[in-house]
N, C-alpha and C. Protein backbone atom coordinates (compact mmCIF):
# COMPACT_ATOMS: atom_id res chain seq x y z
N MET A 1 82.67 112.61 42.06
CA MET A 1 83.59 113.47 42.78
C MET A 1 84.68 112.61 43.45
N PRO A 2 85.94 112.99 43.30
CA PRO A 2 87.00 112.18 43.89
C PRO A 2 87.00 112.30 45.42
N LYS A 3 87.44 111.22 46.06
CA LYS A 3 87.55 111.22 47.52
C LYS A 3 88.65 112.18 47.95
N ASN A 4 88.53 112.66 49.18
CA ASN A 4 89.54 113.56 49.72
C ASN A 4 90.84 112.77 49.90
N THR A 5 91.82 113.15 49.17
CA THR A 5 93.10 112.44 49.23
C THR A 5 94.16 113.23 49.98
N ALA A 6 93.72 114.23 50.73
CA ALA A 6 94.69 115.03 51.49
C ALA A 6 95.38 114.15 52.51
N THR A 7 96.65 114.34 52.67
CA THR A 7 97.42 113.58 53.65
C THR A 7 97.99 114.54 54.68
N LYS A 8 98.33 113.97 55.81
CA LYS A 8 98.93 114.78 56.87
C LYS A 8 100.36 115.12 56.48
N LYS A 9 100.78 116.27 56.93
CA LYS A 9 102.18 116.64 56.71
C LYS A 9 103.05 115.72 57.55
N SER A 10 104.26 115.52 57.11
CA SER A 10 105.14 114.58 57.80
C SER A 10 105.42 114.99 59.24
N GLY A 11 105.33 116.24 59.60
CA GLY A 11 105.59 116.70 60.97
C GLY A 11 104.37 116.61 61.87
N ASP A 12 103.21 116.21 61.32
CA ASP A 12 101.98 116.18 62.11
C ASP A 12 101.80 114.90 62.92
N THR A 13 102.57 113.87 62.66
CA THR A 13 102.38 112.61 63.37
C THR A 13 103.51 112.40 64.36
N LYS A 14 103.12 111.79 65.47
CA LYS A 14 104.13 111.44 66.47
C LYS A 14 104.71 110.09 66.09
N PRO A 15 105.98 109.87 66.35
CA PRO A 15 106.54 108.55 66.05
C PRO A 15 105.89 107.51 66.96
N ALA A 16 105.71 106.32 66.43
CA ALA A 16 105.09 105.25 67.22
C ALA A 16 106.01 104.88 68.38
N LEU A 17 105.40 104.72 69.54
CA LEU A 17 106.18 104.33 70.71
C LEU A 17 106.49 102.84 70.63
N PRO A 18 107.70 102.46 71.00
CA PRO A 18 108.03 101.03 70.95
C PRO A 18 107.30 100.27 72.05
N ASP A 19 107.05 99.00 71.79
CA ASP A 19 106.45 98.16 72.83
C ASP A 19 107.52 97.82 73.85
N ILE A 20 107.18 98.06 75.12
CA ILE A 20 108.10 97.77 76.21
C ILE A 20 107.41 96.77 77.12
N ASP A 21 108.11 95.72 77.50
CA ASP A 21 107.53 94.69 78.36
C ASP A 21 107.41 95.22 79.78
N THR A 22 106.18 95.41 80.23
CA THR A 22 105.94 95.89 81.59
C THR A 22 105.53 94.74 82.51
N LYS A 23 105.90 93.54 82.13
CA LYS A 23 105.67 92.34 82.95
C LYS A 23 104.21 92.18 83.34
N GLY A 24 103.33 92.45 82.40
CA GLY A 24 101.91 92.23 82.63
C GLY A 24 101.16 93.40 83.23
N ALA A 25 101.86 94.43 83.69
CA ALA A 25 101.17 95.58 84.28
C ALA A 25 100.52 96.38 83.15
N LYS A 26 99.30 96.80 83.38
CA LYS A 26 98.58 97.60 82.37
C LYS A 26 99.01 99.06 82.51
N ILE A 27 99.91 99.46 81.63
CA ILE A 27 100.52 100.78 81.67
C ILE A 27 100.35 101.43 80.31
N PRO A 28 99.99 102.72 80.26
CA PRO A 28 99.96 103.41 78.96
C PRO A 28 101.34 103.36 78.32
N LYS A 29 101.37 103.23 76.99
CA LYS A 29 102.66 103.11 76.28
C LYS A 29 103.62 104.23 76.62
N GLU A 30 103.09 105.45 76.74
CA GLU A 30 103.98 106.59 76.99
C GLU A 30 104.60 106.55 78.39
N MET A 31 104.07 105.71 79.28
CA MET A 31 104.61 105.59 80.64
C MET A 31 105.39 104.29 80.86
N ALA A 32 105.44 103.42 79.85
CA ALA A 32 106.05 102.10 80.01
C ALA A 32 107.52 102.17 80.41
N ALA A 33 108.28 103.02 79.74
CA ALA A 33 109.71 103.11 80.06
C ALA A 33 109.91 103.63 81.49
N ARG A 34 109.11 104.59 81.89
CA ARG A 34 109.22 105.15 83.24
C ARG A 34 108.82 104.09 84.28
N TYR A 35 107.78 103.32 83.97
CA TYR A 35 107.36 102.24 84.86
C TYR A 35 108.51 101.26 85.07
N ILE A 36 109.14 100.83 83.99
CA ILE A 36 110.25 99.87 84.08
C ILE A 36 111.39 100.45 84.91
N GLU A 37 111.69 101.73 84.73
CA GLU A 37 112.78 102.38 85.46
C GLU A 37 112.50 102.38 86.97
N VAL A 38 111.31 102.83 87.37
CA VAL A 38 110.97 102.91 88.80
C VAL A 38 110.77 101.51 89.37
N ALA A 39 110.14 100.62 88.59
CA ALA A 39 109.90 99.25 89.06
C ALA A 39 111.23 98.53 89.35
N GLY A 40 112.24 98.78 88.53
CA GLY A 40 113.54 98.16 88.76
C GLY A 40 114.13 98.55 90.10
N VAL A 41 113.94 99.79 90.48
CA VAL A 41 114.44 100.27 91.77
C VAL A 41 113.65 99.62 92.91
N ILE A 42 112.33 99.60 92.78
CA ILE A 42 111.48 98.99 93.81
C ILE A 42 111.81 97.51 93.96
N GLU A 43 111.97 96.81 92.83
CA GLU A 43 112.30 95.38 92.88
C GLU A 43 113.64 95.15 93.56
N GLY A 44 114.62 95.99 93.27
CA GLY A 44 115.92 95.85 93.92
C GLY A 44 115.82 96.00 95.42
N PHE A 45 115.07 97.01 95.86
CA PHE A 45 114.88 97.22 97.29
C PHE A 45 114.17 96.01 97.93
N CYS A 46 113.06 95.60 97.34
CA CYS A 46 112.26 94.51 97.93
C CYS A 46 112.98 93.17 97.90
N ASP A 47 113.74 92.92 96.84
CA ASP A 47 114.50 91.67 96.78
C ASP A 47 115.53 91.61 97.91
N GLU A 48 116.05 92.76 98.28
CA GLU A 48 117.06 92.82 99.34
C GLU A 48 116.46 92.94 100.74
N LYS A 49 115.38 93.71 100.87
CA LYS A 49 114.91 94.09 102.21
C LYS A 49 113.51 93.60 102.58
N GLN A 50 112.67 93.22 101.61
CA GLN A 50 111.29 92.85 101.90
C GLN A 50 110.93 91.54 101.21
N ASP A 51 109.64 91.21 101.18
CA ASP A 51 109.22 89.96 100.56
C ASP A 51 108.46 90.23 99.26
N ASP A 52 108.07 89.14 98.59
CA ASP A 52 107.40 89.26 97.29
C ASP A 52 106.03 89.92 97.39
N GLU A 53 105.29 89.66 98.46
CA GLU A 53 103.97 90.28 98.59
C GLU A 53 104.10 91.80 98.70
N PHE A 54 105.05 92.26 99.50
CA PHE A 54 105.28 93.70 99.63
C PHE A 54 105.68 94.29 98.28
N LYS A 55 106.55 93.59 97.55
CA LYS A 55 106.98 94.05 96.23
C LYS A 55 105.78 94.15 95.29
N ASP A 56 104.92 93.15 95.28
CA ASP A 56 103.75 93.17 94.39
C ASP A 56 102.82 94.34 94.71
N VAL A 57 102.61 94.62 96.00
CA VAL A 57 101.75 95.74 96.38
C VAL A 57 102.36 97.06 95.92
N CYS A 58 103.68 97.22 96.10
CA CYS A 58 104.36 98.45 95.66
C CYS A 58 104.27 98.61 94.14
N LEU A 59 104.43 97.52 93.40
CA LEU A 59 104.35 97.59 91.94
C LEU A 59 102.93 97.90 91.46
N ARG A 60 101.93 97.42 92.18
CA ARG A 60 100.54 97.78 91.84
C ARG A 60 100.32 99.27 92.07
N ALA A 61 100.89 99.80 93.15
CA ALA A 61 100.77 101.24 93.42
C ALA A 61 101.47 102.04 92.32
N LEU A 62 102.65 101.60 91.92
CA LEU A 62 103.39 102.25 90.84
C LEU A 62 102.56 102.25 89.55
N ALA A 63 101.97 101.12 89.22
CA ALA A 63 101.15 101.02 88.00
C ALA A 63 99.98 101.99 88.05
N LYS A 64 99.36 102.11 89.20
CA LYS A 64 98.23 103.04 89.32
C LYS A 64 98.69 104.48 89.13
N LEU A 65 99.84 104.82 89.67
CA LEU A 65 100.38 106.18 89.48
C LEU A 65 100.72 106.43 88.01
N CYS A 66 101.19 105.41 87.31
CA CYS A 66 101.50 105.56 85.88
C CYS A 66 100.24 105.77 85.05
N ARG A 67 99.12 105.22 85.51
CA ARG A 67 97.86 105.36 84.76
C ARG A 67 97.14 106.67 85.02
N LYS A 68 97.55 107.42 86.04
CA LYS A 68 96.89 108.71 86.31
C LYS A 68 97.12 109.66 85.14
N ARG A 69 96.16 110.52 84.90
CA ARG A 69 96.24 111.50 83.81
C ARG A 69 96.24 112.89 84.35
N PRO A 70 97.26 113.66 84.24
CA PRO A 70 98.59 113.26 83.81
C PRO A 70 99.29 112.53 84.95
N SER A 71 100.19 111.66 84.58
CA SER A 71 100.91 110.91 85.60
C SER A 71 101.92 111.82 86.30
N PRO A 72 101.94 111.77 87.63
CA PRO A 72 102.92 112.59 88.36
C PRO A 72 104.35 112.07 88.18
N LEU A 73 104.49 110.85 87.68
CA LEU A 73 105.82 110.26 87.53
C LEU A 73 106.61 110.79 86.35
N VAL A 74 106.02 111.65 85.52
CA VAL A 74 106.77 112.16 84.36
C VAL A 74 107.91 113.07 84.78
N THR A 75 107.81 113.63 85.98
CA THR A 75 108.90 114.46 86.48
C THR A 75 109.47 113.83 87.75
N GLY A 76 110.66 114.18 88.10
CA GLY A 76 111.28 113.67 89.31
C GLY A 76 112.17 112.47 89.03
N LYS A 77 112.96 112.13 90.03
CA LYS A 77 113.92 111.04 89.88
C LYS A 77 113.27 109.70 90.23
N ALA A 78 113.70 108.67 89.54
CA ALA A 78 113.16 107.32 89.74
C ALA A 78 113.36 106.87 91.19
N TYR A 79 114.53 107.12 91.74
CA TYR A 79 114.81 106.69 93.12
C TYR A 79 113.91 107.41 94.12
N THR A 80 113.60 108.66 93.86
CA THR A 80 112.74 109.42 94.76
C THR A 80 111.32 108.87 94.72
N TRP A 81 110.81 108.60 93.52
CA TRP A 81 109.46 108.04 93.40
C TRP A 81 109.41 106.63 94.01
N ALA A 82 110.42 105.82 93.72
CA ALA A 82 110.44 104.46 94.27
C ALA A 82 110.44 104.50 95.80
N CYS A 83 111.25 105.37 96.37
CA CYS A 83 111.30 105.51 97.82
C CYS A 83 109.96 105.98 98.37
N GLY A 84 109.35 106.96 97.72
CA GLY A 84 108.06 107.47 98.18
C GLY A 84 106.99 106.39 98.17
N ILE A 85 107.00 105.55 97.14
CA ILE A 85 106.02 104.46 97.04
C ILE A 85 106.27 103.43 98.14
N VAL A 86 107.52 103.00 98.28
CA VAL A 86 107.85 102.00 99.32
C VAL A 86 107.51 102.54 100.71
N TYR A 87 107.87 103.76 100.97
CA TYR A 87 107.65 104.40 102.27
C TYR A 87 106.15 104.51 102.55
N ALA A 88 105.36 104.96 101.55
CA ALA A 88 103.92 105.12 101.74
C ALA A 88 103.22 103.78 101.94
N ILE A 89 103.55 102.80 101.10
CA ILE A 89 102.95 101.47 101.22
C ILE A 89 103.39 100.83 102.54
N GLY A 90 104.65 101.00 102.88
CA GLY A 90 105.14 100.47 104.15
C GLY A 90 104.44 101.10 105.33
N SER A 91 104.26 102.40 105.27
CA SER A 91 103.61 103.11 106.38
C SER A 91 102.20 102.61 106.62
N MET A 92 101.43 102.45 105.56
CA MET A 92 100.05 101.99 105.75
C MET A 92 99.99 100.51 106.12
N ASN A 93 101.09 99.81 105.96
CA ASN A 93 101.17 98.40 106.35
C ASN A 93 102.02 98.21 107.60
N PHE A 94 102.17 99.27 108.39
CA PHE A 94 102.81 99.23 109.71
C PHE A 94 104.27 98.78 109.68
N ILE A 95 105.00 99.14 108.60
CA ILE A 95 106.40 98.74 108.49
C ILE A 95 107.27 99.36 109.58
N PHE A 96 106.80 100.49 110.16
CA PHE A 96 107.58 101.17 111.19
C PHE A 96 107.25 100.66 112.59
N ASP A 97 106.41 99.65 112.70
CA ASP A 97 106.03 99.05 113.98
C ASP A 97 106.96 97.86 114.26
N ARG A 98 107.72 97.95 115.33
CA ARG A 98 108.71 96.91 115.65
C ARG A 98 108.11 95.52 115.83
N SER A 99 106.81 95.44 116.13
CA SER A 99 106.19 94.14 116.35
C SER A 99 105.83 93.43 115.03
N GLN A 100 105.99 94.11 113.91
CA GLN A 100 105.64 93.52 112.62
C GLN A 100 106.82 92.76 112.03
N PRO A 101 106.53 91.67 111.31
CA PRO A 101 107.64 90.87 110.75
C PRO A 101 108.44 91.60 109.66
N ASN A 102 107.83 92.57 108.98
CA ASN A 102 108.54 93.29 107.93
C ASN A 102 109.06 94.65 108.41
N TYR A 103 109.26 94.80 109.72
CA TYR A 103 109.70 96.06 110.33
C TYR A 103 110.99 96.59 109.70
N MET A 104 110.98 97.90 109.46
CA MET A 104 112.18 98.63 109.05
C MET A 104 112.05 100.05 109.56
N PRO A 105 113.12 100.62 110.08
CA PRO A 105 113.06 102.04 110.47
C PRO A 105 113.03 102.92 109.21
N ALA A 106 112.39 104.06 109.33
CA ALA A 106 112.26 104.98 108.20
C ALA A 106 113.63 105.40 107.66
N ALA A 107 114.56 105.62 108.55
CA ALA A 107 115.90 106.05 108.12
C ALA A 107 116.58 104.98 107.26
N GLU A 108 116.35 103.71 107.57
CA GLU A 108 116.95 102.64 106.79
C GLU A 108 116.39 102.61 105.36
N ILE A 109 115.08 102.86 105.24
CA ILE A 109 114.48 102.92 103.90
C ILE A 109 115.08 104.08 103.12
N ALA A 110 115.08 105.26 103.73
CA ALA A 110 115.61 106.45 103.05
C ALA A 110 117.08 106.25 102.67
N ASP A 111 117.86 105.67 103.57
CA ASP A 111 119.28 105.44 103.29
C ASP A 111 119.49 104.51 102.10
N TRP A 112 118.67 103.46 101.99
CA TRP A 112 118.81 102.51 100.89
C TRP A 112 118.64 103.23 99.55
N PHE A 113 117.72 104.18 99.50
CA PHE A 113 117.46 104.92 98.26
C PHE A 113 118.40 106.12 98.10
N GLY A 114 119.24 106.37 99.09
CA GLY A 114 120.17 107.48 99.01
C GLY A 114 119.51 108.84 99.20
N LEU A 115 118.45 108.86 99.99
CA LEU A 115 117.69 110.10 100.22
C LEU A 115 117.68 110.47 101.69
N ALA A 116 117.42 111.73 101.96
CA ALA A 116 117.23 112.18 103.34
C ALA A 116 115.87 111.66 103.81
N LYS A 117 115.76 111.42 105.10
CA LYS A 117 114.50 110.93 105.67
C LYS A 117 113.37 111.93 105.39
N SER A 118 113.67 113.23 105.42
CA SER A 118 112.63 114.24 105.17
C SER A 118 112.15 114.19 103.72
N THR A 119 113.06 113.93 102.77
CA THR A 119 112.68 113.81 101.36
C THR A 119 111.80 112.58 101.16
N ALA A 120 112.19 111.47 101.78
CA ALA A 120 111.40 110.25 101.69
C ALA A 120 110.01 110.47 102.27
N GLY A 121 109.95 111.15 103.40
CA GLY A 121 108.67 111.42 104.05
C GLY A 121 107.77 112.32 103.23
N SER A 122 108.35 113.33 102.60
CA SER A 122 107.50 114.25 101.81
C SER A 122 107.02 113.58 100.52
N LYS A 123 107.85 112.77 99.88
CA LYS A 123 107.40 112.06 98.68
C LYS A 123 106.37 111.00 99.06
N SER A 124 106.53 110.39 100.23
CA SER A 124 105.54 109.44 100.73
C SER A 124 104.20 110.11 100.95
N ALA A 125 104.22 111.31 101.50
CA ALA A 125 102.97 112.06 101.72
C ALA A 125 102.28 112.35 100.39
N GLU A 126 103.06 112.67 99.37
CA GLU A 126 102.50 112.92 98.04
C GLU A 126 101.86 111.66 97.47
N VAL A 127 102.56 110.52 97.59
CA VAL A 127 102.04 109.24 97.10
C VAL A 127 100.77 108.86 97.87
N THR A 128 100.80 109.07 99.18
CA THR A 128 99.63 108.76 100.02
C THR A 128 98.41 109.54 99.55
N LYS A 129 98.61 110.81 99.24
CA LYS A 129 97.50 111.64 98.78
C LYS A 129 97.04 111.22 97.38
N LEU A 130 97.98 110.97 96.48
CA LEU A 130 97.64 110.58 95.11
C LEU A 130 96.86 109.27 95.04
N LEU A 131 97.21 108.33 95.92
CA LEU A 131 96.58 107.01 95.92
C LEU A 131 95.44 106.88 96.93
N ASN A 132 95.20 107.97 97.68
CA ASN A 132 94.15 107.95 98.70
C ASN A 132 94.36 106.79 99.68
N LEU A 133 95.60 106.65 100.15
CA LEU A 133 95.93 105.56 101.08
C LEU A 133 95.39 105.87 102.47
N SER A 134 94.80 104.86 103.08
CA SER A 134 94.34 104.99 104.47
C SER A 134 94.18 103.59 105.03
N TYR A 135 93.97 103.52 106.33
CA TYR A 135 93.79 102.22 106.97
C TYR A 135 92.44 101.61 106.63
N TYR A 136 91.56 102.39 106.02
CA TYR A 136 90.26 101.89 105.59
C TYR A 136 90.30 101.38 104.15
N ASN A 137 91.31 101.76 103.40
CA ASN A 137 91.43 101.38 101.99
C ASN A 137 92.31 100.14 101.90
N THR A 138 91.74 99.04 101.45
CA THR A 138 92.48 97.77 101.44
C THR A 138 93.20 97.49 100.12
N GLU A 139 93.09 98.39 99.16
CA GLU A 139 93.66 98.15 97.83
C GLU A 139 95.16 97.85 97.88
N PHE A 140 95.88 98.50 98.78
CA PHE A 140 97.33 98.33 98.86
C PHE A 140 97.77 97.80 100.23
N MET A 141 96.91 97.01 100.84
CA MET A 141 97.20 96.46 102.17
C MET A 141 97.67 95.01 102.03
N LEU A 142 98.65 94.62 102.84
CA LEU A 142 99.11 93.24 102.86
C LEU A 142 98.00 92.35 103.41
N GLU A 143 97.88 91.14 102.87
CA GLU A 143 96.75 90.27 103.21
C GLU A 143 96.64 89.95 104.69
N ASP A 144 97.74 89.62 105.35
CA ASP A 144 97.64 89.26 106.76
C ASP A 144 97.19 90.44 107.62
N LEU A 145 97.51 91.65 107.19
CA LEU A 145 97.06 92.84 107.93
C LEU A 145 95.59 93.12 107.68
N MET A 146 95.11 92.77 106.51
CA MET A 146 93.70 92.98 106.19
C MET A 146 92.81 92.24 107.18
N GLU A 147 93.18 91.02 107.47
CA GLU A 147 92.38 90.20 108.39
C GLU A 147 92.43 90.75 109.81
N LYS A 148 93.54 91.36 110.19
CA LYS A 148 93.71 91.85 111.56
C LYS A 148 93.24 93.29 111.76
N ASN A 149 93.02 94.02 110.68
CA ASN A 149 92.67 95.44 110.78
C ASN A 149 91.21 95.61 111.16
N PRO A 150 90.93 96.02 112.40
CA PRO A 150 89.52 96.14 112.83
C PRO A 150 88.78 97.27 112.12
N MET A 151 89.50 98.25 111.61
CA MET A 151 88.84 99.40 110.98
C MET A 151 88.06 99.03 109.73
N ILE A 152 88.58 98.10 108.93
CA ILE A 152 87.90 97.78 107.68
C ILE A 152 86.68 96.88 107.89
N TRP A 153 86.53 96.34 109.08
CA TRP A 153 85.40 95.45 109.34
C TRP A 153 84.26 96.14 110.09
N GLN A 154 84.46 97.40 110.47
CA GLN A 154 83.42 98.16 111.18
C GLN A 154 82.46 98.78 110.18
N LEU A 155 81.20 98.36 110.25
CA LEU A 155 80.18 98.89 109.36
C LEU A 155 78.94 99.26 110.16
N SER A 156 78.18 100.16 109.60
CA SER A 156 76.91 100.56 110.23
C SER A 156 75.80 99.66 109.69
N VAL A 157 75.16 98.92 110.58
CA VAL A 157 74.03 98.05 110.24
C VAL A 157 72.84 98.53 111.04
N ASN A 158 71.82 99.01 110.34
CA ASN A 158 70.62 99.58 110.98
C ASN A 158 71.00 100.65 112.00
N GLY A 159 71.97 101.48 111.64
CA GLY A 159 72.36 102.60 112.49
C GLY A 159 73.30 102.24 113.62
N MET A 160 73.70 100.99 113.73
CA MET A 160 74.59 100.55 114.82
C MET A 160 75.93 100.10 114.22
N LEU A 161 77.02 100.58 114.81
CA LEU A 161 78.35 100.18 114.36
C LEU A 161 78.64 98.78 114.85
N VAL A 162 78.94 97.87 113.89
CA VAL A 162 79.20 96.47 114.24
C VAL A 162 80.45 95.98 113.52
N ASP A 163 81.04 94.93 114.05
CA ASP A 163 82.12 94.22 113.36
C ASP A 163 81.44 93.20 112.46
N ILE A 164 81.49 93.42 111.16
CA ILE A 164 80.76 92.59 110.21
C ILE A 164 81.20 91.13 110.26
N ARG A 165 82.40 90.87 110.78
CA ARG A 165 82.86 89.48 110.90
C ARG A 165 82.02 88.68 111.87
N ASN A 166 81.34 89.38 112.79
CA ASN A 166 80.50 88.71 113.78
C ASN A 166 79.03 88.67 113.39
N MET A 167 78.72 89.12 112.20
CA MET A 167 77.34 89.17 111.73
C MET A 167 77.04 87.95 110.85
N PRO A 168 75.76 87.68 110.61
CA PRO A 168 75.39 86.53 109.75
C PRO A 168 76.01 86.64 108.36
N ARG A 169 76.25 85.50 107.77
CA ARG A 169 76.88 85.44 106.44
C ARG A 169 76.12 86.27 105.41
N GLU A 170 74.80 86.28 105.47
CA GLU A 170 74.01 87.03 104.49
C GLU A 170 74.41 88.51 104.49
N LEU A 171 74.63 89.08 105.69
CA LEU A 171 75.05 90.48 105.77
C LEU A 171 76.47 90.65 105.25
N GLN A 172 77.32 89.68 105.51
CA GLN A 172 78.69 89.74 105.00
C GLN A 172 78.68 89.70 103.47
N GLU A 173 77.83 88.88 102.88
CA GLU A 173 77.74 88.78 101.42
C GLU A 173 77.25 90.10 100.82
N ILE A 174 76.29 90.73 101.47
CA ILE A 174 75.80 92.03 101.01
C ILE A 174 76.92 93.07 101.07
N ALA A 175 77.63 93.09 102.20
CA ALA A 175 78.74 94.04 102.36
C ALA A 175 79.82 93.80 101.32
N PHE A 176 80.11 92.53 101.04
CA PHE A 176 81.12 92.20 100.04
C PHE A 176 80.67 92.62 98.64
N SER A 177 79.42 92.35 98.31
CA SER A 177 78.91 92.70 96.97
C SER A 177 78.90 94.21 96.75
N LYS A 178 78.79 94.99 97.82
CA LYS A 178 78.82 96.46 97.72
C LYS A 178 80.24 97.01 97.79
N GLY A 179 81.23 96.13 97.97
CA GLY A 179 82.61 96.57 98.02
C GLY A 179 83.00 97.17 99.36
N LEU A 180 82.23 96.89 100.40
CA LEU A 180 82.51 97.47 101.72
C LEU A 180 83.56 96.69 102.50
N ILE A 181 83.72 95.41 102.16
CA ILE A 181 84.73 94.57 102.80
C ILE A 181 85.51 93.85 101.71
N PRO A 182 86.78 93.51 101.95
CA PRO A 182 87.62 92.93 100.90
C PRO A 182 87.31 91.46 100.57
N PHE A 183 86.74 90.73 101.51
CA PHE A 183 86.39 89.33 101.30
C PHE A 183 85.42 88.90 102.39
N ILE A 184 84.82 87.74 102.21
CA ILE A 184 83.92 87.18 103.22
C ILE A 184 84.79 86.37 104.18
N PRO A 185 84.86 86.78 105.44
CA PRO A 185 85.77 86.15 106.40
C PRO A 185 85.64 84.64 106.50
N ALA A 186 84.42 84.10 106.47
CA ALA A 186 84.23 82.64 106.60
C ALA A 186 84.89 81.90 105.44
N ASP A 187 84.98 82.53 104.26
CA ASP A 187 85.60 81.88 103.12
C ASP A 187 87.11 81.79 103.28
N ARG A 188 87.71 82.69 104.02
CA ARG A 188 89.15 82.65 104.26
C ARG A 188 89.54 81.65 105.34
N ASP A 189 88.59 81.35 106.25
CA ASP A 189 88.88 80.44 107.34
C ASP A 189 89.02 79.00 106.89
N ARG A 190 88.47 78.69 105.72
CA ARG A 190 88.49 77.30 105.24
C ARG A 190 89.87 76.86 104.85
């Protein structure tokens, strides 16, 4: 018996997506062009107004949004998404606190992107919800703030709330292995 030689109709296949250099970010092919578009805006802002660490954190957040199924970035303007990401990441990293070295007023961020402060704030709220940003989540936190943030070091040990940085190393290692703390504090002190 001959093998099934049926072929797909020419309209049944999608054209192959071109390879787009996403600078090492793991992005689905269908989101690569959008990633590059929004990343270019974020990079422009950070090159002018912030530092490389802040830029890297924002780009990681952008990459995570691109990997969501379905990605919320398929609709909306690149500048609006870029502003929302910068504003949300900045907010959780205390960018609006005058005592911080990377301080910027919210209006200045919104103005740079050509948006109203209310639009920037609402897109930031959407990004915050999509990425589950909080002061307890260190995934998008700047390193120097991680060490200073008392909230991420508070854990319950035998029913008592303690600062794990003041506990024996063995407990810190257990907390680290369970993903409860971002690093073992004694290892950073060296």
